[in-house]
């Protein structure tokens, strides 16, 4: 990664967070919880640019402009809202699970090969 890419990424992040801070307070609170949730759950695409997070801010800006409360936009189950956003995304948990499955498969294959 080049220094220019890092600088550009920081500029994009600052601009993104400025948009978040311009939202009504209830939207900011929910956005911050969504961001924490997504960082923990770890969709791989989250590290590949601002697409998903920017889309959430777009949705929130639109909801706020229409005078809706944030839970009218997300629904009362914010975690389910997040899960729905990333349902087709590969997560780091998926990658870890695949790795564990491969290790178990290889270990079991060695055992069965030895008993033959």
PDB file of N, CA and C in Angstrom:
ATOM      1  N   UNK A   1       0.847  -1.179   0.000  1.00  0.00           N
ATOM      2  CA  UNK A   1       0.000   0.000   0.000  1.00  0.00           C
ATOM      3  C   UNK A   1       0.891   1.241   0.000  1.00  0.00           C
ATOM      4  N   UNK A   2       0.537   2.153  -0.839  1.00  0.00           N
ATOM      5  CA  UNK A   2       1.314   3.382  -0.945  1.00  0.00           C
ATOM      6  C   UNK A   2       0.839   4.416   0.066  1.00  0.00           C
ATOM      7  N   UNK A   3       1.735   5.337   0.392  1.00  0.00           N
ATOM      8  CA  UNK A   3       1.419   6.426   1.318  1.00  0.00           C
ATOM      9  C   UNK A   3       0.224   7.230   0.801  1.00  0.00           C
ATOM     10  N   UNK A   4       0.200   7.475  -0.506  1.00  0.00           N
ATOM     11  CA  UNK A   4      -0.909   8.241  -1.100  1.00  0.00           C
ATOM     12  C   UNK A   4      -2.250   7.549  -0.853  1.00  0.00           C
ATOM     13  N   UNK A   5      -2.250   6.214  -0.925  1.00  0.00           N
ATOM     14  CA  UNK A   5      -3.484   5.451  -0.683  1.00  0.00           C
ATOM     15  C   UNK A   5      -3.931   5.606   0.776  1.00  0.00           C
ATOM     16  N   UNK A   6      -2.988   5.580   1.675  1.00  0.00           N
ATOM     17  CA  UNK A   6      -3.304   5.743   3.102  1.00  0.00           C
ATOM     18  C   UNK A   6      -3.878   7.129   3.353  1.00  0.00           C
ATOM     19  N   UNK A   7      -3.232   8.141   2.787  1.00  0.00           N
ATOM     20  CA  UNK A   7      -3.708   9.520   2.951  1.00  0.00           C
ATOM     21  C   UNK A   7      -5.109   9.670   2.367  1.00  0.00           C
ATOM     22  N   UNK A   8      -5.330   9.116   1.182  1.00  0.00           N
ATOM     23  CA  UNK A   8      -6.643   9.193   0.543  1.00  0.00           C
ATOM     24  C   UNK A   8      -7.694   8.482   1.396  1.00  0.00           C
ATOM     25  N   UNK A   9      -7.321   7.329   1.944  1.00  0.00           N
ATOM     26  CA  UNK A   9      -8.238   6.590   2.807  1.00  0.00           C
ATOM     27  C   UNK A   9      -8.626   7.388   4.043  1.00  0.00           C
ATOM     28  N   UNK A  10      -7.662   8.072   4.630  1.00  0.00           N
ATOM     29  CA  UNK A  10      -7.952   8.898   5.813  1.00  0.00           C
ATOM     30  C   UNK A  10      -8.871  10.059   5.447  1.00  0.00           C
ATOM     31  N   UNK A  11      -8.646  10.667   4.286  1.00  0.00           N
ATOM     32  CA  UNK A  11      -9.505  11.771   3.841  1.00  0.00           C
ATOM     33  C   UNK A  11     -10.934  11.276   3.643  1.00  0.00           C
ATOM     34  N   UNK A  12     -11.069  10.115   3.022  1.00  0.00           N
ATOM     35  CA  UNK A  12     -12.399   9.547   2.798  1.00  0.00           C
ATOM     36  C   UNK A  12     -13.081   9.243   4.129  1.00  0.00           C
ATOM     37  N   UNK A  13     -12.317   8.678   5.085  1.00  0.00           N
ATOM     38  CA  UNK A  13     -12.886   8.349   6.388  1.00  0.00           C
ATOM     39  C   UNK A  13     -13.357   9.604   7.118  1.00  0.00           C
ATOM     40  N   UNK A  14     -12.524  10.662   7.089  1.00  0.00           N
ATOM     41  CA  UNK A  14     -12.908  11.913   7.750  1.00  0.00           C
ATOM     42  C   UNK A  14     -14.174  12.507   7.131  1.00  0.00           C
ATOM     43  N   UNK A  15     -14.247  12.471   5.800  1.00  0.00           N
ATOM     44  CA  UNK A  15     -15.439  12.990   5.116  1.00  0.00           C
ATOM     45  C   UNK A  15     -16.661  12.149   5.477  1.00  0.00           C
ATOM     46  N   UNK A  16     -16.475  10.852   5.548  1.00  0.00           N
ATOM     47  CA  UNK A  16     -17.558   9.944   5.924  1.00  0.00           C
ATOM     48  C   UNK A  16     -18.051  10.254   7.335  1.00  0.00           C
ATOM     49  N   UNK A  17     -17.116  10.399   8.273  1.00  0.00           N
ATOM     50  CA  UNK A  17     -17.491  10.669   9.661  1.00  0.00           C
ATOM     51  C   UNK A  17     -18.123  12.054   9.812  1.00  0.00           C
ATOM     52  N   UNK A  18     -17.742  12.995   8.965  1.00  0.00           N
ATOM     53  CA  UNK A  18     -18.387  14.315   8.991  1.00  0.00           C
ATOM     54  C   UNK A  18     -19.856  14.177   8.591  1.00  0.00           C
ATOM     55  N   UNK A  19     -20.137  13.302   7.632  1.00  0.00           N
ATOM     56  CA  UNK A  19     -21.531  13.046   7.244  1.00  0.00           C
ATOM     57  C   UNK A  19     -22.299  12.435   8.412  1.00  0.00           C
ATOM     58  N   UNK A  20     -21.659  11.500   9.119  1.00  0.00           N
ATOM     59  CA  UNK A  20     -22.305  10.858  10.265  1.00  0.00           C
ATOM     60  C   UNK A  20     -22.617  11.912  11.333  1.00  0.00           C
ATOM     61  N   UNK A  21     -21.656  12.787  11.608  1.00  0.00           N
ATOM     62  CA  UNK A  21     -21.847  13.807  12.652  1.00  0.00           C
ATOM     63  C   UNK A  21     -22.918  14.824  12.276  1.00  0.00           C
ATOM     64  N   UNK A  22     -23.237  14.937  11.001  1.00  0.00           N
ATOM     65  CA  UNK A  22     -24.282  15.864  10.557  1.00  0.00           C
ATOM     66  C   UNK A  22     -25.684  15.258  10.711  1.00  0.00           C
ATOM     67  N   UNK A  23     -25.753  13.972  10.979  1.00  0.00           N
ATOM     68  CA  UNK A  23     -27.048  13.304  11.156  1.00  0.00           C
ATOM     69  C   UNK A  23     -27.666  13.692  12.501  1.00  0.00           C
ATOM     70  N   UNK A  24     -28.999  13.554  12.621  1.00  0.00           N
ATOM     71  CA  UNK A  24     -29.622  13.753  13.941  1.00  0.00           C
ATOM     72  C   UNK A  24     -29.017  12.781  14.962  1.00  0.00           C
ATOM     73  N   UNK A  25     -29.076  13.154  16.230  1.00  0.00           N
ATOM     74  CA  UNK A  25     -28.416  12.390  17.304  1.00  0.00           C
ATOM     75  C   UNK A  25     -28.849  10.924  17.346  1.00  0.00           C
ATOM     76  N   UNK A  26     -30.148  10.636  17.174  1.00  0.00           N
ATOM     77  CA  UNK A  26     -30.593   9.241  17.235  1.00  0.00           C
ATOM     78  C   UNK A  26     -29.973   8.423  16.105  1.00  0.00           C
ATOM     79  N   UNK A  27     -29.823   9.032  14.934  1.00  0.00           N
ATOM     80  CA  UNK A  27     -29.183   8.351  13.807  1.00  0.00           C
ATOM     81  C   UNK A  27     -27.706   8.097  14.103  1.00  0.00           C
ATOM     82  N   UNK A  28     -27.045   9.076  14.722  1.00  0.00           N
ATOM     83  CA  UNK A  28     -25.622   8.907  15.064  1.00  0.00           C
ATOM     84  C   UNK A  28     -25.424   7.731  16.019  1.00  0.00           C
ATOM     85  N   UNK A  29     -26.293   7.657  17.024  1.00  0.00           N
ATOM     86  CA  UNK A  29     -26.177   6.581  18.015  1.00  0.00           C
ATOM     87  C   UNK A  29     -26.329   5.223  17.338  1.00  0.00           C
ATOM     88  N   UNK A  30     -27.352   5.089  16.505  1.00  0.00           N
ATOM     89  CA  UNK A  30     -27.590   3.810  15.837  1.00  0.00           C
ATOM     90  C   UNK A  30     -26.465   3.513  14.841  1.00  0.00           C
ATOM     91  N   UNK A  31     -26.013   4.532  14.097  1.00  0.00           N
ATOM     92  CA  UNK A  31     -24.900   4.313  13.167  1.00  0.00           C
ATOM     93  C   UNK A  31     -23.672   3.779  13.906  1.00  0.00           C
ATOM     94  N   UNK A  32     -23.332   4.401  15.032  1.00  0.00           N
ATOM     95  CA  UNK A  32     -22.149   3.964  15.782  1.00  0.00           C
ATOM     96  C   UNK A  32     -22.286   2.526  16.261  1.00  0.00           C
ATOM     97  N   UNK A  33     -23.473   2.130  16.677  1.00  0.00           N
ATOM     98  CA  UNK A  33     -23.695   0.740  17.098  1.00  0.00           C
ATOM     99  C   UNK A  33     -23.607  -0.208  15.908  1.00  0.00           C
ATOM    100  N   UNK A  34     -24.151   0.207  14.775  1.00  0.00           N
ATOM    101  CA  UNK A  34     -24.057  -0.612  13.557  1.00  0.00           C
ATOM    102  C   UNK A  34     -22.599  -0.783  13.161  1.00  0.00           C
ATOM    103  N   UNK A  35     -21.845   0.305  13.197  1.00  0.00           N
ATOM    104  CA  UNK A  35     -20.426   0.251  12.825  1.00  0.00           C
ATOM    105  C   UNK A  35     -19.689  -0.719  13.740  1.00  0.00           C
ATOM    106  N   UNK A  36     -19.907  -0.619  15.053  1.00  0.00           N
ATOM    107  CA  UNK A  36     -19.253  -1.535  16.001  1.00  0.00           C
ATOM    108  C   UNK A  36     -19.631  -2.981  15.695  1.00  0.00           C
ATOM    109  N   UNK A  37     -20.919  -3.200  15.444  1.00  0.00           N
ATOM    110  CA  UNK A  37     -21.411  -4.544  15.157  1.00  0.00           C
ATOM    111  C   UNK A  37     -20.729  -5.106  13.907  1.00  0.00           C
ATOM    112  N   UNK A  38     -20.692  -4.300  12.852  1.00  0.00           N
ATOM    113  CA  UNK A  38     -20.096  -4.769  11.600  1.00  0.00           C
ATOM    114  C   UNK A  38     -18.601  -5.003  11.747  1.00  0.00           C
ATOM    115  N   UNK A  39     -17.921  -4.183  12.538  1.00  0.00           N
ATOM    116  CA  UNK A  39     -16.495  -4.404  12.752  1.00  0.00           C
ATOM    117  C   UNK A  39     -16.253  -5.696  13.518  1.00  0.00           C
ATOM    118  N   UNK A  40     -17.155  -6.054  14.427  1.00  0.00           N
ATOM    119  CA  UNK A  40     -17.011  -7.306  15.181  1.00  0.00           C
ATOM    120  C   UNK A  40     -17.363  -8.510  14.332  1.00  0.00           C
ATOM    121  N   UNK A  41     -18.455  -8.414  13.573  1.00  0.00           N
ATOM    122  CA  UNK A  41     -18.905  -9.526  12.748  1.00  0.00           C
ATOM    123  C   UNK A  41     -17.938  -9.724  11.582  1.00  0.00           C
ATOM    124  N   UNK A  42     -17.426  -8.621  11.078  1.00  0.00           N
ATOM    125  CA  UNK A  42     -16.341  -8.659  10.121  1.00  0.00           C
ATOM    126  C   UNK A  42     -16.637  -9.068   8.703  1.00  0.00           C
ATOM    127  N   UNK A  43     -17.582  -8.391   8.014  1.00  0.00           N
ATOM    128  CA  UNK A  43     -17.686  -8.679   6.587  1.00  0.00           C
ATOM    129  C   UNK A  43     -16.396  -8.262   5.892  1.00  0.00           C
ATOM    130  N   UNK A  44     -15.852  -9.144   5.067  1.00  0.00           N
ATOM    131  CA  UNK A  44     -14.569  -8.907   4.411  1.00  0.00           C
ATOM    132  C   UNK A  44     -14.599  -7.616   3.607  1.00  0.00           C
ATOM    133  N   UNK A  45     -15.719  -7.340   2.948  1.00  0.00           N
ATOM    134  CA  UNK A  45     -15.808  -6.152   2.101  1.00  0.00           C
ATOM    135  C   UNK A  45     -15.695  -4.848   2.881  1.00  0.00           C
ATOM    136  N   UNK A  46     -15.876  -4.894   4.181  1.00  0.00           N
ATOM    137  CA  UNK A  46     -15.794  -3.685   4.997  1.00  0.00           C
ATOM    138  C   UNK A  46     -14.388  -3.081   4.950  1.00  0.00           C
ATOM    139  N   UNK A  47     -13.384  -3.927   4.749  1.00  0.00           N
ATOM    140  CA  UNK A  47     -12.008  -3.438   4.676  1.00  0.00           C
ATOM    141  C   UNK A  47     -11.628  -3.016   3.261  1.00  0.00           C
ATOM    142  N   UNK A  48     -12.550  -3.160   2.324  1.00  0.00           N
ATOM    143  CA  UNK A  48     -12.255  -2.860   0.925  1.00  0.00           C
ATOM    144  C   UNK A  48     -12.944  -1.583   0.462  1.00  0.00           C
ATOM    145  N   UNK A  49     -12.927  -0.558   1.285  1.00  0.00           N
ATOM    146  CA  UNK A  49     -13.538   0.705   0.900  1.00  0.00           C
ATOM    147  C   UNK A  49     -14.714   1.046   1.792  1.00  0.00           C
ATOM    148  N   UNK A  50     -15.386   2.106   1.423  1.00  0.00           N
ATOM    149  CA  UNK A  50     -16.436   2.666   2.267  1.00  0.00           C
ATOM    150  C   UNK A  50     -17.831   2.283   1.789  1.00  0.00           C
ATOM    151  N   UNK A  51     -17.959   1.419   0.813  1.00  0.00           N
ATOM    152  CA  UNK A  51     -19.242   1.124   0.185  1.00  0.00           C
ATOM    153  C   UNK A  51     -20.391   0.858   1.136  1.00  0.00           C
ATOM    154  N   UNK A  52     -20.273  -0.148   1.981  1.00  0.00           N
ATOM    155  CA  UNK A  52     -21.357  -0.535   2.879  1.00  0.00           C
ATOM    156  C   UNK A  52     -21.676   0.579   3.875  1.00  0.00           C
ATOM    157  N   UNK A  53     -20.657   1.124   4.501  1.00  0.00           N
ATOM    158  CA  UNK A  53     -20.880   2.182   5.494  1.00  0.00           C
ATOM    159  C   UNK A  53     -21.443   3.441   4.849  1.00  0.00           C
ATOM    160  N   UNK A  54     -20.970   3.781   3.671  1.00  0.00           N
ATOM    161  CA  UNK A  54     -21.503   4.951   2.961  1.00  0.00           C
ATOM    162  C   UNK A  54     -22.961   4.730   2.585  1.00  0.00           C
ATOM    163  N   UNK A  55     -23.279   3.502   2.204  1.00  0.00           N
ATOM    164  CA  UNK A  55     -24.663   3.188   1.866  1.00  0.00           C
ATOM    165  C   UNK A  55     -25.585   3.361   3.053  1.00  0.00           C
ATOM    166  N   UNK A  56     -25.101   2.984   4.232  1.00  0.00           N
ATOM    167  CA  UNK A  56     -25.892   3.165   5.454  1.00  0.00           C
ATOM    168  C   UNK A  56     -26.116   4.652   5.715  1.00  0.00           C
ATOM    169  N   UNK A  57     -25.061   5.451   5.560  1.00  0.00           N
ATOM    170  CA  UNK A  57     -25.200   6.894   5.769  1.00  0.00           C
ATOM    171  C   UNK A  57     -26.160   7.479   4.739  1.00  0.00           C
ATOM    172  N   UNK A  58     -26.071   7.031   3.486  1.00  0.00           N
ATOM    173  CA  UNK A  58     -27.017   7.492   2.459  1.00  0.00           C
ATOM    174  C   UNK A  58     -28.457   7.219   2.902  1.00  0.00           C
ATOM    175  N   UNK A  59     -28.704   6.001   3.352  1.00  0.00           N
ATOM    176  CA  UNK A  59     -30.027   5.603   3.807  1.00  0.00           C
ATOM    177  C   UNK A  59     -30.483   6.456   4.991  1.00  0.00           C
ATOM    178  N   UNK A  60     -29.571   6.682   5.924  1.00  0.00           N
ATOM    179  CA  UNK A  60     -29.890   7.482   7.103  1.00  0.00           C
ATOM    180  C   UNK A  60     -30.160   8.940   6.737  1.00  0.00           C
ATOM    181  N   UNK A  61     -29.368   9.493   5.829  1.00  0.00           N
ATOM    182  CA  UNK A  61     -29.592  10.879   5.397  1.00  0.00           C
ATOM    183  C   UNK A  61     -30.974  11.013   4.753  1.00  0.00           C
ATOM    184  N   UNK A  62     -31.325  10.026   3.958  1.00  0.00           N
ATOM    185  CA  UNK A  62     -32.633  10.039   3.302  1.00  0.00           C
ATOM    186  C   UNK A  62     -33.760   9.942   4.333  1.00  0.00           C
ATOM    187  N   UNK A  63     -33.619   9.022   5.288  1.00  0.00           N
ATOM    188  CA  UNK A  63     -34.628   8.868   6.343  1.00  0.00           C
ATOM    189  C   UNK A  63     -34.785  10.133   7.169  1.00  0.00           C
ATOM    190  N   UNK A  64     -33.662  10.749   7.525  1.00  0.00           N
ATOM    191  CA  UNK A  64     -33.699  11.983   8.315  1.00  0.00           C
ATOM    192  C   UNK A  64     -34.360  13.104   7.521  1.00  0.00           C
ATOM    193  N   UNK A  65     -34.053  13.193   6.231  1.00  0.00           N
ATOM    194  CA  UNK A  65     -34.637  14.234   5.383  1.00  0.00           C
ATOM    195  C   UNK A  65     -36.160  14.074   5.273  1.00  0.00           C
ATOM    196  N   UNK A  66     -36.632  12.832   5.377  1.00  0.00           N
ATOM    197  CA  UNK A  66     -38.075  12.571   5.323  1.00  0.00           C
ATOM    198  C   UNK A  66     -38.732  12.731   6.690  1.00  0.00           C
ATOM    199  N   UNK A  67     -37.917  13.042   7.709  1.00  0.00           N
ATOM    200  CA  UNK A  67     -38.456  13.252   9.047  1.00  0.00           C
ATOM    201  C   UNK A  67     -38.746  11.965   9.808  1.00  0.00           C
ATOM    202  N   UNK A  68     -38.193  10.863   9.346  1.00  0.00           N
ATOM    203  CA  UNK A  68     -38.406   9.575  10.016  1.00  0.00           C
ATOM    204  C   UNK A  68     -37.443   9.421  11.187  1.00  0.00           C
ATOM    205  N   UNK A  69     -37.878   8.717  12.220  1.00  0.00           N
ATOM    206  CA  UNK A  69     -36.973   8.328  13.293  1.00  0.00           C
ATOM    207  C   UNK A  69     -36.088   7.205  12.790  1.00  0.00           C
ATOM    208  N   UNK A  70     -34.921   7.056  13.360  1.00  0.00           N
ATOM    209  CA  UNK A  70     -33.960   6.071  12.862  1.00  0.00           C
ATOM    210  C   UNK A  70     -34.517   4.644  12.910  1.00  0.00           C
ATOM    211  N   UNK A  71     -35.285   4.324  13.947  1.00  0.00           N
ATOM    212  CA  UNK A  71     -35.823   2.962  14.041  1.00  0.00           C
ATOM    213  C   UNK A  71     -36.943   2.706  13.033  1.00  0.00           C
ATOM    214  N   UNK A  72     -37.496   3.770  12.463  1.00  0.00           N
ATOM    215  CA  UNK A  72     -38.429   3.597  11.343  1.00  0.00           C
ATOM    216  C   UNK A  72     -37.664   3.147  10.095  1.00  0.00           C
ATOM    217  N   UNK A  73     -36.408   3.517  10.027  1.00  0.00           N
ATOM    218  CA  UNK A  73     -35.565   3.156   8.878  1.00  0.00           C
ATOM    219  C   UNK A  73     -34.984   1.746   9.060  1.00  0.00           C
ATOM    220  N   UNK A  74     -34.459   1.472  10.245  1.00  0.00           N
ATOM    221  CA  UNK A  74     -33.783   0.183  10.469  1.00  0.00           C
ATOM    222  C   UNK A  74     -34.712  -0.908  10.969  1.00  0.00           C
ATOM    223  N   UNK A  75     -35.804  -0.527  11.603  1.00  0.00           N
ATOM    224  CA  UNK A  75     -36.621  -1.478  12.338  1.00  0.00           C
ATOM    225  C   UNK A  75     -36.093  -1.538  13.757  1.00  0.00           C
ATOM    226  N   UNK A  76     -36.858  -2.131  14.651  1.00  0.00           N
ATOM    227  CA  UNK A  76     -36.458  -2.125  16.064  1.00  0.00           C
ATOM    228  C   UNK A  76     -35.324  -3.094  16.363  1.00  0.00           C
ATOM    229  N   UNK A  77     -35.119  -4.099  15.507  1.00  0.00           N
ATOM    230  CA  UNK A  77     -34.027  -5.060  15.704  1.00  0.00           C
ATOM    231  C   UNK A  77     -32.855  -4.652  14.819  1.00  0.00           C
ATOM    232  N   UNK A  78     -32.000  -3.804  15.366  1.00  0.00           N
ATOM    233  CA  UNK A  78     -30.898  -3.234  14.580  1.00  0.00           C
ATOM    234  C   UNK A  78     -29.891  -4.314  14.183  1.00  0.00           C
ATOM    235  N   UNK A  79     -29.659  -5.299  15.043  1.00  0.00           N
ATOM    236  CA  UNK A  79     -28.740  -6.395  14.700  1.00  0.00           C
ATOM    237  C   UNK A  79     -29.273  -7.180  13.502  1.00  0.00           C
ATOM    238  N   UNK A  80     -30.572  -7.423  13.462  1.00  0.00           N
ATOM    239  CA  UNK A  80     -31.173  -8.124  12.319  1.00  0.00           C
ATOM    240  C   UNK A  80     -31.035  -7.279  11.049  1.00  0.00           C
ATOM    241  N   UNK A  81     -31.174  -5.950  11.192  1.00  0.00           N
ATOM    242  CA  UNK A  81     -30.970  -5.046  10.070  1.00  0.00           C
ATOM    243  C   UNK A  81     -29.548  -5.218   9.519  1.00  0.00           C
ATOM    244  N   UNK A  82     -28.571  -5.259  10.428  1.00  0.00           N
ATOM    245  CA  UNK A  82     -27.165  -5.442  10.030  1.00  0.00           C
ATOM    246  C   UNK A  82     -26.959  -6.798   9.358  1.00  0.00           C
ATOM    247  N   UNK A  83     -27.505  -7.835   9.976  1.00  0.00           N
ATOM    248  CA  UNK A  83     -27.354  -9.178   9.411  1.00  0.00           C
ATOM    249  C   UNK A  83     -27.939  -9.244   8.002  1.00  0.00           C
ATOM    250  N   UNK A  84     -29.054  -8.569   7.794  1.00  0.00           N
ATOM    251  CA  UNK A  84     -29.669  -8.549   6.478  1.00  0.00           C
ATOM    252  C   UNK A  84     -28.778  -7.830   5.469  1.00  0.00           C
ATOM    253  N   UNK A  85     -28.110  -6.766   5.915  1.00  0.00           N
ATOM    254  CA  UNK A  85     -27.208  -6.023   5.022  1.00  0.00           C
ATOM    255  C   UNK A  85     -26.049  -6.890   4.535  1.00  0.00           C
ATOM    256  N   UNK A  86     -25.583  -7.781   5.396  1.00  0.00           N
ATOM    257  CA  UNK A  86     -24.381  -8.560   5.051  1.00  0.00           C
ATOM    258  C   UNK A  86     -24.674 -10.027   4.782  1.00  0.00           C
ATOM    259  N   UNK A  87     -25.946 -10.374   4.597  1.00  0.00           N
ATOM    260  CA  UNK A  87     -26.312 -11.787   4.466  1.00  0.00           C
ATOM    261  C   UNK A  87     -25.604 -12.483   3.303  1.00  0.00           C
ATOM    262  N   UNK A  88     -25.285 -11.771   2.254  1.00  0.00           N
ATOM    263  CA  UNK A  88     -24.606 -12.380   1.110  1.00  0.00           C
ATOM    264  C   UNK A  88     -23.107 -12.084   1.087  1.00  0.00           C
ATOM    265  N   UNK A  89     -22.599 -11.504   2.170  1.00  0.00           N
ATOM    266  CA  UNK A  89     -21.187 -11.142   2.245  1.00  0.00           C
ATOM    267  C   UNK A  89     -20.398 -12.218   2.975  1.00  0.00           C
ATOM    268  N   UNK A  90     -19.196 -12.420   2.532  1.00  0.00           N
ATOM    269  CA  UNK A  90     -18.291 -13.332   3.233  1.00  0.00           C
ATOM    270  C   UNK A  90     -17.731 -12.588   4.447  1.00  0.00           C
ATOM    271  N   UNK A  91     -17.732 -13.259   5.588  1.00  0.00           N
ATOM    272  CA  UNK A  91     -17.220 -12.640   6.808  1.00  0.00           C
ATOM    273  C   UNK A  91     -15.921 -13.322   7.216  1.00  0.00           C
ATOM    274  N   UNK A  92     -15.194 -12.664   8.116  1.00  0.00           N
ATOM    275  CA  UNK A  92     -13.982 -13.291   8.639  1.00  0.00           C
ATOM    276  C   UNK A  92     -14.327 -14.548   9.420  1.00  0.00           C
ATOM    277  N   UNK A  93     -15.506 -14.574  10.006  1.00  0.00           N
ATOM    278  CA  UNK A  93     -15.955 -15.784  10.704  1.00  0.00           C
ATOM    279  C   UNK A  93     -16.110 -16.931   9.705  1.00  0.00           C
ATOM    280  N   UNK A  94     -16.635 -16.642   8.519  1.00  0.00           N
ATOM    281  CA  UNK A  94     -16.766 -17.670   7.478  1.00  0.00           C
ATOM    282  C   UNK A  94     -15.396 -18.212   7.085  1.00  0.00           C
ATOM    283  N   UNK A  95     -14.442 -17.311   6.912  1.00  0.00           N
ATOM    284  CA  UNK A  95     -13.089 -17.723   6.526  1.00  0.00           C
ATOM    285  C   UNK A  95     -12.481 -18.595   7.618  1.00  0.00           C
ATOM    286  N   UNK A  96     -12.654 -18.193   8.877  1.00  0.00           N
ATOM    287  CA  UNK A  96     -12.121 -18.977   9.993  1.00  0.00           C
ATOM    288  C   UNK A  96     -12.797 -20.346  10.054  1.00  0.00           C
ATOM    289  N   UNK A  97     -14.091 -20.379   9.864  1.00  0.00           N
ATOM    290  CA  UNK A  97     -14.827 -21.640   9.900  1.00  0.00           C
ATOM    291  C   UNK A  97     -14.344 -22.580   8.791  1.00  0.00           C
ATOM    292  N   UNK A  98     -14.138 -22.040   7.597  1.00  0.00           N
ATOM    293  CA  UNK A  98     -13.633 -22.848   6.493  1.00  0.00           C
ATOM    294  C   UNK A  98     -12.248 -23.400   6.825  1.00  0.00           C
ATOM    295  N   UNK A  99     -11.409 -22.581   7.435  1.00  0.00           N
ATOM    296  CA  UNK A  99     -10.065 -23.004   7.815  1.00  0.00           C
ATOM    297  C   UNK A  99     -10.114 -24.145   8.820  1.00  0.00           C
ATOM    298  N   UNK A 100     -10.981 -24.004   9.828  1.00  0.00           N
ATOM    299  CA  UNK A 100     -11.126 -25.056  10.839  1.00  0.00           C
ATOM    300  C   UNK A 100     -11.619 -26.338  10.180  1.00  0.00           C
ATOM    301  N   UNK A 101     -12.621 -26.223   9.317  1.00  0.00           N
ATOM    302  CA  UNK A 101     -13.168 -27.394   8.639  1.00  0.00           C
ATOM    303  C   UNK A 101     -12.092 -28.102   7.807  1.00  0.00           C
ATOM    304  N   UNK A 102     -11.262 -27.315   7.112  1.00  0.00           N
ATOM    305  CA  UNK A 102     -10.192 -27.902   6.297  1.00  0.00           C
ATOM    306  C   UNK A 102      -9.170 -28.617   7.165  1.00  0.00           C
ATOM    307  N   UNK A 103      -8.815 -28.029   8.303  1.00  0.00           N
ATOM    308  CA  UNK A 103      -7.841 -28.654   9.206  1.00  0.00           C
ATOM    309  C   UNK A 103      -8.390 -29.957   9.768  1.00  0.00           C
ATOM    310  N   UNK A 104      -9.659 -29.949  10.163  1.00  0.00           N
ATOM    311  CA  UNK A 104     -10.275 -31.167  10.691  1.00  0.00           C
ATOM    312  C   UNK A 104     -10.331 -32.236   9.603  1.00  0.00           C
ATOM    313  N   UNK A 105     -10.721 -31.857   8.413  1.00  0.00           N
ATOM    314  CA  UNK A 105     -10.797 -32.804   7.296  1.00  0.00           C
ATOM    315  C   UNK A 105      -9.433 -33.431   7.030  1.00  0.00           C
ATOM    316  N   UNK A 106      -8.390 -32.608   6.973  1.00  0.00           N
ATOM    317  CA  UNK A 106      -7.035 -33.126   6.722  1.00  0.00           C
ATOM    318  C   UNK A 106      -6.588 -34.064   7.837  1.00  0.00           C
ATOM    319  N   UNK A 107      -6.854 -33.676   9.085  1.00  0.00           N
ATOM    320  CA  UNK A 107      -6.473 -34.513  10.225  1.00  0.00           C
ATOM    321  C   UNK A 107      -7.207 -35.849  10.187  1.00  0.00           C
ATOM    322  N   UNK A 108      -8.482 -35.811   9.889  1.00  0.00           N
ATOM    323  CA  UNK A 108      -9.278 -37.047   9.830  1.00  0.00           C
ATOM    324  C   UNK A 108      -8.824 -37.917   8.661  1.00  0.00           C
ATOM    325  N   UNK A 109      -8.459 -37.307   7.559  1.00  0.00           N
ATOM    326  CA  UNK A 109      -7.981 -38.055   6.391  1.00  0.00           C
ATOM    327  C   UNK A 109      -6.681 -38.776   6.730  1.00  0.00           C
ATOM    328  N   UNK A 110      -5.780 -38.107   7.459  1.00  0.00           N
ATOM    329  CA  UNK A 110      -4.527 -38.742   7.861  1.00  0.00           C
ATOM    330  C   UNK A 110      -4.802 -39.955   8.732  1.00  0.00           C
ATOM    331  N   UNK A 111      -5.752 -39.805   9.661  1.00  0.00           N
ATOM    332  CA  UNK A 111      -6.087 -40.927  10.550  1.00  0.00           C
ATOM    333  C   UNK A 111      -6.645 -42.093   9.757  1.00  0.00           C
ATOM    334  N   UNK A 112      -7.564 -41.809   8.843  1.00  0.00           N
ATOM    335  CA  UNK A 112      -8.182 -42.901   8.067  1.00  0.00           C
ATOM    336  C   UNK A 112      -7.184 -43.509   7.091  1.00  0.00           C
ATOM    337  N   UNK A 113      -6.266 -42.709   6.553  1.00  0.00           N
ATOM    338  CA  UNK A 113      -5.246 -43.249   5.650  1.00  0.00           C
ATOM    339  C   UNK A 113      -4.305 -44.199   6.391  1.00  0.00           C
ATOM    340  N   UNK A 114      -4.000 -43.872   7.651  1.00  0.00           N
ATOM    341  CA  UNK A 114      -3.101 -44.714   8.455  1.00  0.00           C
ATOM    342  C   UNK A 114      -3.749 -46.034   8.839  1.00  0.00           C
ATOM    343  N   UNK A 115      -5.059 -46.042   8.977  1.00  0.00           N
ATOM    344  CA  UNK A 115      -5.739 -47.267   9.405  1.00  0.00           C
ATOM    345  C   UNK A 115      -6.039 -48.194   8.234  1.00  0.00           C
ATOM    346  N   UNK A 116      -5.792 -47.758   7.045  1.00  0.00           N
ATOM    347  CA  UNK A 116      -6.057 -48.593   5.862  1.00  0.00           C
ATOM    348  C   UNK A 116      -4.926 -49.555   5.615  1.00  0.00           C
TER     349      UNK A 116
END
